[in-house]
Amino acid sequence: MSRMLAGAIGDGAFKVVLGAAFAVGSAWLDDLFGVEAWLVLIAGAALLIGGGIEVVYVRRRPMATCLRLMIGYDIGWAVASAVALVMAWRGGTAGGEIGVAYLVVAPLALAALLVGAAATDVRLPTADGQPPTTDVHPPATDVRPSARDTSAA
């Protein structure tokens, strides 16, 4: 198992563990995030579902596709967290709602994209910087080029 595959599986497993923690601790986390307990519970369920699908489908999709989706997820998480922090620092009450809402929507979107991702993908360069070789060869044909007409017109 490659390190990238192990990391991708670990990413999904972390979502599953985080989702279980949210589901079990929703009554305590609601005060921490400033949202209703049912929203934390739904976020936990979304993380459980999304993480579980990620663990299963990461082996069925090209690693480049998985990496792009995980990078997009993490960028979205960073942006949502930054917005939530700014809201909280400015005295707003929507910071927790933004963070938890992202945790409801994003794992399910990632899971849907993984399930629907095409099985073909652009191959990444190899470790030596060379483009990867492919085992795909054009079909052989018995058609020969026609002889050039050399007769005078």
C-alpha atoms as a PDB file:
ATOM      1  CA  MET A   1       0.000   0.000   0.000  1.00  0.00           C
ATOM      2  CA  SER A   2       1.429   3.357  -1.003  1.00  0.00           C
ATOM      3  CA  ARG A   3       1.775   6.220   1.446  1.00  0.00           C
ATOM      4  CA  MET A   4      -0.688   8.286  -0.561  1.00  0.00           C
ATOM      5  CA  LEU A   5      -3.304   5.546  -0.394  1.00  0.00           C
ATOM      6  CA  ALA A   6      -2.693   5.095   3.331  1.00  0.00           C
ATOM      7  CA  GLY A   7      -3.065   8.853   3.819  1.00  0.00           C
ATOM      8  CA  ALA A   8      -6.303   8.939   1.834  1.00  0.00           C
ATOM      9  CA  ILE A   9      -7.729   6.037   3.849  1.00  0.00           C
ATOM     10  CA  GLY A  10      -6.581   7.783   7.036  1.00  0.00           C
ATOM     11  CA  ASP A  11      -8.381  10.944   5.937  1.00  0.00           C
ATOM     12  CA  GLY A  12     -11.640   9.030   5.597  1.00  0.00           C
ATOM     13  CA  ALA A  13     -11.076   7.171   8.857  1.00  0.00           C
ATOM     14  CA  PHE A  14     -10.510  10.487  10.650  1.00  0.00           C
ATOM     15  CA  LYS A  15     -13.852  11.737   9.330  1.00  0.00           C
ATOM     16  CA  VAL A  16     -15.530   8.564  10.654  1.00  0.00           C
ATOM     17  CA  VAL A  17     -13.981   9.028  14.126  1.00  0.00           C
ATOM     18  CA  LEU A  18     -14.838  12.738  14.151  1.00  0.00           C
ATOM     19  CA  GLY A  19     -18.391  11.948  13.066  1.00  0.00           C
ATOM     20  CA  ALA A  20     -18.786   9.412  15.878  1.00  0.00           C
ATOM     21  CA  ALA A  21     -17.449  11.968  18.372  1.00  0.00           C
ATOM     22  CA  PHE A  22     -19.907  14.578  17.094  1.00  0.00           C
ATOM     23  CA  ALA A  23     -22.804  12.133  17.293  1.00  0.00           C
ATOM     24  CA  VAL A  24     -21.944  10.957  20.812  1.00  0.00           C
ATOM     25  CA  GLY A  25     -21.018  14.396  22.141  1.00  0.00           C
ATOM     26  CA  SER A  26     -23.650  16.481  20.391  1.00  0.00           C
ATOM     27  CA  ALA A  27     -25.250  17.573  23.693  1.00  0.00           C
ATOM     28  CA  TRP A  28     -21.920  18.938  24.934  1.00  0.00           C
ATOM     29  CA  LEU A  29     -20.660  20.300  21.611  1.00  0.00           C
ATOM     30  CA  ASP A  30     -23.793  22.348  20.957  1.00  0.00           C
ATOM     31  CA  ASP A  31     -22.772  24.882  23.614  1.00  0.00           C
ATOM     32  CA  LEU A  32     -19.182  24.935  22.373  1.00  0.00           C
ATOM     33  CA  PHE A  33     -20.233  25.702  18.788  1.00  0.00           C
ATOM     34  CA  GLY A  34     -23.241  27.821  19.755  1.00  0.00           C
ATOM     35  CA  VAL A  35     -25.675  25.729  17.703  1.00  0.00           C
ATOM     36  CA  GLU A  36     -28.497  23.324  18.430  1.00  0.00           C
ATOM     37  CA  ALA A  37     -27.580  19.744  19.366  1.00  0.00           C
ATOM     38  CA  TRP A  38     -29.532  18.352  16.405  1.00  0.00           C
ATOM     39  CA  LEU A  39     -27.274  20.241  13.994  1.00  0.00           C
ATOM     40  CA  VAL A  40     -24.160  18.776  15.613  1.00  0.00           C
ATOM     41  CA  LEU A  41     -25.793  15.333  15.424  1.00  0.00           C
ATOM     42  CA  ILE A  42     -26.531  15.804  11.710  1.00  0.00           C
ATOM     43  CA  ALA A  43     -22.933  16.957  11.145  1.00  0.00           C
ATOM     44  CA  GLY A  44     -21.763  13.787  12.894  1.00  0.00           C
ATOM     45  CA  ALA A  45     -23.946  11.631  10.670  1.00  0.00           C
ATOM     46  CA  ALA A  46     -22.696  13.439   7.546  1.00  0.00           C
ATOM     47  CA  LEU A  47     -19.084  12.919   8.626  1.00  0.00           C
ATOM     48  CA  LEU A  48     -19.734   9.226   9.324  1.00  0.00           C
ATOM     49  CA  ILE A  49     -21.348   8.721   5.923  1.00  0.00           C
ATOM     50  CA  GLY A  50     -18.813  10.812   4.006  1.00  0.00           C
ATOM     51  CA  GLY A  51     -15.811   9.272   5.735  1.00  0.00           C
ATOM     52  CA  GLY A  52     -17.114   5.745   5.271  1.00  0.00           C
ATOM     53  CA  ILE A  53     -17.686   6.288   1.563  1.00  0.00           C
ATOM     54  CA  GLU A  54     -14.242   7.881   1.263  1.00  0.00           C
ATOM     55  CA  VAL A  55     -12.574   4.826   2.859  1.00  0.00           C
ATOM     56  CA  VAL A  56     -14.401   2.472   0.478  1.00  0.00           C
ATOM     57  CA  TYR A  57     -14.106   4.464  -2.758  1.00  0.00           C
ATOM     58  CA  VAL A  58     -10.525   5.699  -2.411  1.00  0.00           C
ATOM     59  CA  ARG A  59      -9.366   2.275  -3.628  1.00  0.00           C
ATOM     60  CA  ARG A  60     -11.760   2.346  -6.598  1.00  0.00           C
ATOM     61  CA  ARG A  61     -10.790   5.719  -8.026  1.00  0.00           C
ATOM     62  CA  PRO A  62      -7.526   7.050  -9.440  1.00  0.00           C
ATOM     63  CA  MET A  63      -5.394   8.614  -6.727  1.00  0.00           C
ATOM     64  CA  ALA A  64      -5.167  11.899  -8.662  1.00  0.00           C
ATOM     65  CA  THR A  65      -8.960  12.225  -8.517  1.00  0.00           C
ATOM     66  CA  CYS A  66      -9.024  11.451  -4.799  1.00  0.00           C
ATOM     67  CA  LEU A  67      -6.248  13.941  -4.093  1.00  0.00           C
ATOM     68  CA  ARG A  68      -7.959  16.744  -5.990  1.00  0.00           C
ATOM     69  CA  LEU A  69     -11.216  16.113  -4.130  1.00  0.00           C
ATOM     70  CA  MET A  70      -9.511  15.942  -0.733  1.00  0.00           C
ATOM     71  CA  ILE A  71      -7.525  19.105  -1.438  1.00  0.00           C
ATOM     72  CA  GLY A  72     -10.740  20.890  -2.430  1.00  0.00           C
ATOM     73  CA  TYR A  73     -12.433  19.647   0.749  1.00  0.00           C
ATOM     74  CA  ASP A  74      -9.537  20.844   2.916  1.00  0.00           C
ATOM     75  CA  ILE A  75      -9.386  24.247   1.220  1.00  0.00           C
ATOM     76  CA  GLY A  76     -13.119  24.654   1.810  1.00  0.00           C
ATOM     77  CA  TRP A  77     -12.683  23.625   5.427  1.00  0.00           C
ATOM     78  CA  ALA A  78      -9.881  26.175   5.907  1.00  0.00           C
ATOM     79  CA  VAL A  79     -11.954  28.961   4.335  1.00  0.00           C
ATOM     80  CA  ALA A  80     -15.074  28.067   6.343  1.00  0.00           C
ATOM     81  CA  SER A  81     -13.007  27.914   9.547  1.00  0.00           C
ATOM     82  CA  ALA A  82     -11.379  31.268   8.842  1.00  0.00           C
ATOM     83  CA  VAL A  83     -14.761  32.873   8.168  1.00  0.00           C
ATOM     84  CA  ALA A  84     -16.166  31.310  11.360  1.00  0.00           C
ATOM     85  CA  LEU A  85     -13.224  32.578  13.406  1.00  0.00           C
ATOM     86  CA  VAL A  86     -13.527  36.101  12.026  1.00  0.00           C
ATOM     87  CA  MET A  87     -17.247  36.068  12.801  1.00  0.00           C
ATOM     88  CA  ALA A  88     -16.557  34.923  16.369  1.00  0.00           C
ATOM     89  CA  TRP A  89     -13.773  37.483  16.926  1.00  0.00           C
ATOM     90  CA  ARG A  90     -16.083  40.265  15.755  1.00  0.00           C
ATOM     91  CA  GLY A  91     -18.703  39.200  18.279  1.00  0.00           C
ATOM     92  CA  GLY A  92     -21.038  37.510  15.823  1.00  0.00           C
ATOM     93  CA  THR A  93     -22.956  34.372  16.681  1.00  0.00           C
ATOM     94  CA  ALA A  94     -22.914  32.699  13.265  1.00  0.00           C
ATOM     95  CA  GLY A  95     -19.359  31.342  13.460  1.00  0.00           C
ATOM     96  CA  GLY A  96     -20.375  27.982  14.891  1.00  0.00           C
ATOM     97  CA  GLU A  97     -23.237  27.688  12.428  1.00  0.00           C
ATOM     98  CA  ILE A  98     -20.890  28.277   9.490  1.00  0.00           C
ATOM     99  CA  GLY A  99     -18.390  25.687  10.733  1.00  0.00           C
ATOM    100  CA  VAL A 100     -20.966  23.029  11.532  1.00  0.00           C
ATOM    101  CA  ALA A 101     -22.919  23.692   8.329  1.00  0.00           C
ATOM    102  CA  TYR A 102     -19.726  23.084   6.335  1.00  0.00           C
ATOM    103  CA  LEU A 103     -19.298  19.782   8.174  1.00  0.00           C
ATOM    104  CA  VAL A 104     -22.825  18.810   7.116  1.00  0.00           C
ATOM    105  CA  VAL A 105     -22.528  19.712   3.434  1.00  0.00           C
ATOM    106  CA  ALA A 106     -18.880  19.098   2.502  1.00  0.00           C
ATOM    107  CA  PRO A 107     -18.470  15.415   3.492  1.00  0.00           C
ATOM    108  CA  LEU A 108     -21.635  14.486   1.619  1.00  0.00           C
ATOM    109  CA  ALA A 109     -20.517  16.463  -1.438  1.00  0.00           C
ATOM    110  CA  LEU A 110     -17.088  14.790  -1.326  1.00  0.00           C
ATOM    111  CA  ALA A 111     -18.739  11.376  -1.048  1.00  0.00           C
ATOM    112  CA  ALA A 112     -21.084  12.103  -3.964  1.00  0.00           C
ATOM    113  CA  LEU A 113     -18.176  13.249  -6.127  1.00  0.00           C
ATOM    114  CA  LEU A 114     -16.125  10.172  -5.225  1.00  0.00           C
ATOM    115  CA  VAL A 115     -19.004   7.858  -6.080  1.00  0.00           C
ATOM    116  CA  GLY A 116     -19.677   9.670  -9.350  1.00  0.00           C
ATOM    117  CA  ALA A 117     -16.056  10.261 -10.350  1.00  0.00           C
ATOM    118  CA  ALA A 118     -15.016   8.838 -13.675  1.00  0.00           C
ATOM    119  CA  ALA A 119     -12.748   5.836 -13.431  1.00  0.00           C
ATOM    120  CA  THR A 120     -10.326   7.425 -15.869  1.00  0.00           C
ATOM    121  CA  ASP A 121      -8.039  10.237 -14.913  1.00  0.00           C
ATOM    122  CA  VAL A 122      -4.991  12.171 -16.014  1.00  0.00           C
ATOM    123  CA  ARG A 123      -1.874  10.388 -14.808  1.00  0.00           C
ATOM    124  CA  LEU A 124       0.554  12.295 -12.607  1.00  0.00           C
ATOM    125  CA  PRO A 125       4.263  12.426 -13.548  1.00  0.00           C
ATOM    126  CA  THR A 126       6.471   9.727 -12.065  1.00  0.00           C
ATOM    127  CA  ALA A 127       9.055  10.348  -9.333  1.00  0.00           C
ATOM    128  CA  ASP A 128      11.784  11.042 -11.915  1.00  0.00           C
ATOM    129  CA  GLY A 129       9.656  13.774 -13.508  1.00  0.00           C
ATOM    130  CA  GLN A 130       8.963  11.806 -16.669  1.00  0.00           C
ATOM    131  CA  PRO A 131       5.446  11.330 -17.942  1.00  0.00           C
ATOM    132  CA  PRO A 132       4.080   7.910 -17.029  1.00  0.00           C
ATOM    133  CA  THR A 133       4.138   5.186 -19.588  1.00  0.00           C
ATOM    134  CA  THR A 134       0.864   3.688 -20.604  1.00  0.00           C
ATOM    135  CA  ASP A 135       0.128   0.172 -21.666  1.00  0.00           C
ATOM    136  CA  VAL A 136      -2.426   1.336 -24.183  1.00  0.00           C
ATOM    137  CA  HIS A 137      -1.431   0.747 -27.798  1.00  0.00           C
ATOM    138  CA  PRO A 138      -3.428   1.631 -30.884  1.00  0.00           C
ATOM    139  CA  PRO A 139      -5.087  -1.347 -32.506  1.00  0.00           C
ATOM    140  CA  ALA A 140      -3.075  -3.007 -35.255  1.00  0.00           C
ATOM    141  CA  THR A 141      -4.524  -2.743 -38.721  1.00  0.00           C
ATOM    142  CA  ASP A 142      -3.773  -4.591 -41.918  1.00  0.00           C
ATOM    143  CA  VAL A 143      -4.443  -1.509 -44.005  1.00  0.00           C
ATOM    144  CA  ARG A 144      -1.426  -0.459 -45.977  1.00  0.00           C
ATOM    145  CA  PRO A 145      -1.015   2.951 -47.522  1.00  0.00           C
ATOM    146  CA  SER A 146      -1.988   3.011 -51.168  1.00  0.00           C
ATOM    147  CA  ALA A 147       0.796   3.217 -53.708  1.00  0.00           C
ATOM    148  CA  ARG A 148       1.362   6.627 -55.145  1.00  0.00           C
ATOM    149  CA  ASP A 149       0.031   7.142 -58.633  1.00  0.00           C
ATOM    150  CA  THR A 150       3.048   7.951 -60.739  1.00  0.00           C
ATOM    151  CA  SER A 151       1.339   7.923 -64.122  1.00  0.00           C
ATOM    152  CA  ALA A 152       1.432  11.108 -66.096  1.00  0.00           C
ATOM    153  CA  ALA A 153      -1.838  12.857 -66.498  1.00  0.00           C
END
